[in-house]
Amino acid sequence: MPAMVSRGSGRRRTISEINMVPFIDVMLVLLIIFMVTAPLIAPSMIDLPSIGRAAKTPDQVIQVTIRKDESIELKTGDKSAPTSFDAVADAVVSAQAGHAPGTSAVVIAADKSVKYENVVKVMDALQKKGVQRIGLSVQVAK
């Protein structure tokens, strides 16, 4: 109920102001609660893979290179052959044919101007064909 103010003239009018004191009290209590509980919350830890943790080095490394013009080259040992997005998974599977499953690794190297979507498409196609060891080639900035 609004407060009534009367002055000497006998006219009464209501005060239409918001009382901010309860609002400030609630905000200060919430601030204290957050300040007390923040140090108690344990940060979550993410276990990221690290480089060079493989138990055994691969017998064969197949490198899939995606160039600026989005052409794909498949390099096995010292032989390299151009291929397309649709045929890259079949070409990798046929290159792995002479080796036991899981003993050859596939490394995808892409130019920095290539869309990430294309790299993911290649990885997805390889995983659908059952390729087990897929990695990304990383170039360290100089």
Protein backbone atom coordinates (compact mmCIF):
# COMPACT_ATOMS: atom_id res chain seq x y z
CA MET A 1 0.00 0.00 0.00
CA PRO A 2 1.50 3.34 -0.97
CA ALA A 3 2.34 5.77 1.79
CA MET A 4 0.27 8.89 2.13
CA VAL A 5 1.92 12.25 2.54
CA SER A 6 0.06 15.24 3.82
CA ARG A 7 1.21 18.79 3.88
CA GLY A 8 -0.33 21.66 5.70
CA SER A 9 -2.93 22.36 3.00
CA GLY A 10 -4.99 19.28 3.74
CA ARG A 11 -4.39 17.65 0.33
CA ARG A 12 -3.04 14.14 0.41
CA ARG A 13 -1.04 12.50 -2.38
CA THR A 14 0.58 9.09 -2.71
CA ILE A 15 4.31 8.48 -3.00
CA SER A 16 4.92 6.34 -6.07
CA GLU A 17 8.57 5.42 -5.53
CA ILE A 18 10.10 1.96 -5.34
CA ASN A 19 11.79 1.13 -2.06
CA MET A 20 15.25 -0.16 -3.11
CA VAL A 21 16.44 -1.26 0.34
CA PRO A 22 14.97 -4.83 0.23
CA PHE A 23 16.32 -5.33 -3.27
CA ILE A 24 19.81 -4.27 -2.21
CA ASP A 25 19.65 -6.54 0.85
CA VAL A 26 18.76 -9.56 -1.28
CA MET A 27 21.53 -8.80 -3.79
CA LEU A 28 24.13 -8.48 -1.02
CA VAL A 29 23.07 -11.80 0.50
CA LEU A 30 23.35 -13.49 -2.91
CA LEU A 31 26.78 -11.92 -3.45
CA ILE A 32 28.00 -13.28 -0.11
CA ILE A 33 26.63 -16.75 -0.91
CA PHE A 34 28.44 -16.81 -4.27
CA MET A 35 31.67 -15.52 -2.72
CA VAL A 36 31.60 -18.27 -0.10
CA THR A 37 30.67 -21.14 -2.44
CA ALA A 38 32.91 -20.24 -5.41
CA PRO A 39 36.17 -21.52 -3.88
CA LEU A 40 34.46 -24.77 -2.88
CA ILE A 41 33.52 -25.71 -6.44
CA ALA A 42 36.16 -28.01 -7.89
CA PRO A 43 37.11 -27.21 -11.50
CA SER A 44 36.47 -30.07 -13.90
CA MET A 45 39.50 -31.69 -15.45
CA ILE A 46 39.61 -32.69 -19.10
CA ASP A 47 42.02 -35.45 -20.05
CA LEU A 48 43.29 -34.44 -23.49
CA PRO A 49 45.39 -36.81 -25.56
CA SER A 50 49.04 -35.96 -25.89
CA ILE A 51 51.45 -36.42 -28.75
CA GLY A 52 53.65 -39.49 -28.85
CA ARG A 53 51.73 -41.72 -26.46
CA ALA A 54 51.29 -44.61 -28.91
CA ALA A 55 52.28 -47.97 -27.49
CA LYS A 56 53.63 -49.12 -30.84
CA THR A 57 54.73 -47.15 -33.87
CA PRO A 58 52.68 -47.90 -36.97
CA ASP A 59 54.07 -50.20 -39.66
CA GLN A 60 52.73 -47.97 -42.42
CA VAL A 61 51.76 -44.28 -42.45
CA ILE A 62 49.25 -43.15 -45.06
CA GLN A 63 49.06 -39.39 -45.50
CA VAL A 64 45.92 -37.75 -46.86
CA THR A 65 46.69 -34.19 -47.97
CA ILE A 66 43.91 -31.68 -48.62
CA ARG A 67 45.20 -28.74 -50.64
CA LYS A 68 44.01 -25.13 -51.01
CA ASP A 69 41.96 -25.96 -54.09
CA GLU A 70 40.35 -28.80 -52.07
CA SER A 71 42.01 -31.51 -54.13
CA ILE A 72 43.09 -34.58 -52.21
CA GLU A 73 46.36 -36.46 -52.54
CA LEU A 74 47.01 -39.86 -50.99
CA LYS A 75 50.64 -40.57 -50.10
CA THR A 76 51.79 -44.05 -49.14
CA GLY A 77 55.52 -44.39 -48.55
CA ASP A 78 57.12 -42.66 -51.52
CA LYS A 79 54.12 -43.04 -53.88
CA SER A 80 51.46 -40.35 -54.14
CA ALA A 81 48.25 -40.35 -56.13
CA PRO A 82 45.44 -37.80 -56.51
CA THR A 83 41.97 -38.88 -55.43
CA SER A 84 38.53 -37.37 -54.81
CA PHE A 85 36.45 -36.86 -51.66
CA ASP A 86 34.21 -39.79 -52.58
CA ALA A 87 37.04 -42.22 -53.29
CA VAL A 88 39.49 -41.30 -50.49
CA ALA A 89 38.12 -43.85 -47.98
CA ASP A 90 38.22 -46.69 -50.51
CA ALA A 91 41.76 -45.72 -51.55
CA VAL A 92 42.94 -45.76 -47.92
CA VAL A 93 41.31 -49.13 -47.27
CA SER A 94 42.95 -50.60 -50.37
CA ALA A 95 46.33 -49.13 -49.29
CA GLN A 96 45.92 -50.80 -45.88
CA ALA A 97 45.01 -54.15 -47.45
CA GLY A 98 48.48 -55.68 -47.11
CA HIS A 99 48.81 -54.88 -43.40
CA ALA A 100 47.13 -56.24 -40.29
CA PRO A 101 44.22 -54.18 -38.92
CA GLY A 102 45.39 -51.38 -36.63
CA THR A 103 49.05 -51.54 -37.69
CA SER A 104 48.84 -48.70 -40.21
CA ALA A 105 48.01 -45.11 -39.35
CA VAL A 106 46.30 -42.45 -41.44
CA VAL A 107 47.43 -38.84 -41.05
CA ILE A 108 45.29 -36.04 -42.47
CA ALA A 109 47.18 -32.88 -43.41
CA ALA A 110 45.18 -29.89 -44.63
CA ASP A 111 46.09 -26.39 -45.73
CA LYS A 112 45.04 -23.70 -43.26
CA SER A 113 42.68 -22.15 -45.80
CA VAL A 114 40.69 -25.39 -46.25
CA LYS A 115 37.29 -25.45 -44.58
CA TYR A 116 37.25 -27.56 -41.42
CA GLU A 117 34.06 -29.14 -42.73
CA ASN A 118 36.04 -30.86 -45.51
CA VAL A 119 38.54 -32.29 -43.03
CA VAL A 120 35.70 -33.67 -40.91
CA LYS A 121 34.07 -35.18 -44.01
CA VAL A 122 37.28 -37.06 -44.80
CA MET A 123 37.60 -38.25 -41.18
CA ASP A 124 33.96 -39.36 -41.16
CA ALA A 125 34.35 -41.28 -44.43
CA LEU A 126 37.44 -43.04 -43.06
CA GLN A 127 35.70 -43.98 -39.81
CA LYS A 128 32.69 -45.35 -41.70
CA LYS A 129 35.03 -47.62 -43.67
CA GLY A 130 36.53 -48.97 -40.43
CA VAL A 131 39.89 -47.17 -40.41
CA GLN A 132 41.05 -47.31 -36.79
CA ARG A 133 44.08 -45.04 -36.39
CA ILE A 134 43.35 -41.54 -37.74
CA GLY A 135 45.40 -38.50 -36.79
CA LEU A 136 45.75 -34.88 -37.78
CA SER A 137 49.04 -33.39 -38.90
CA VAL A 138 49.96 -30.24 -36.95
CA GLN A 139 52.50 -27.68 -38.04
CA VAL A 140 54.15 -25.73 -35.26
CA ALA A 141 54.15 -21.96 -35.78
CA LYS A 142 57.62 -20.49 -36.20
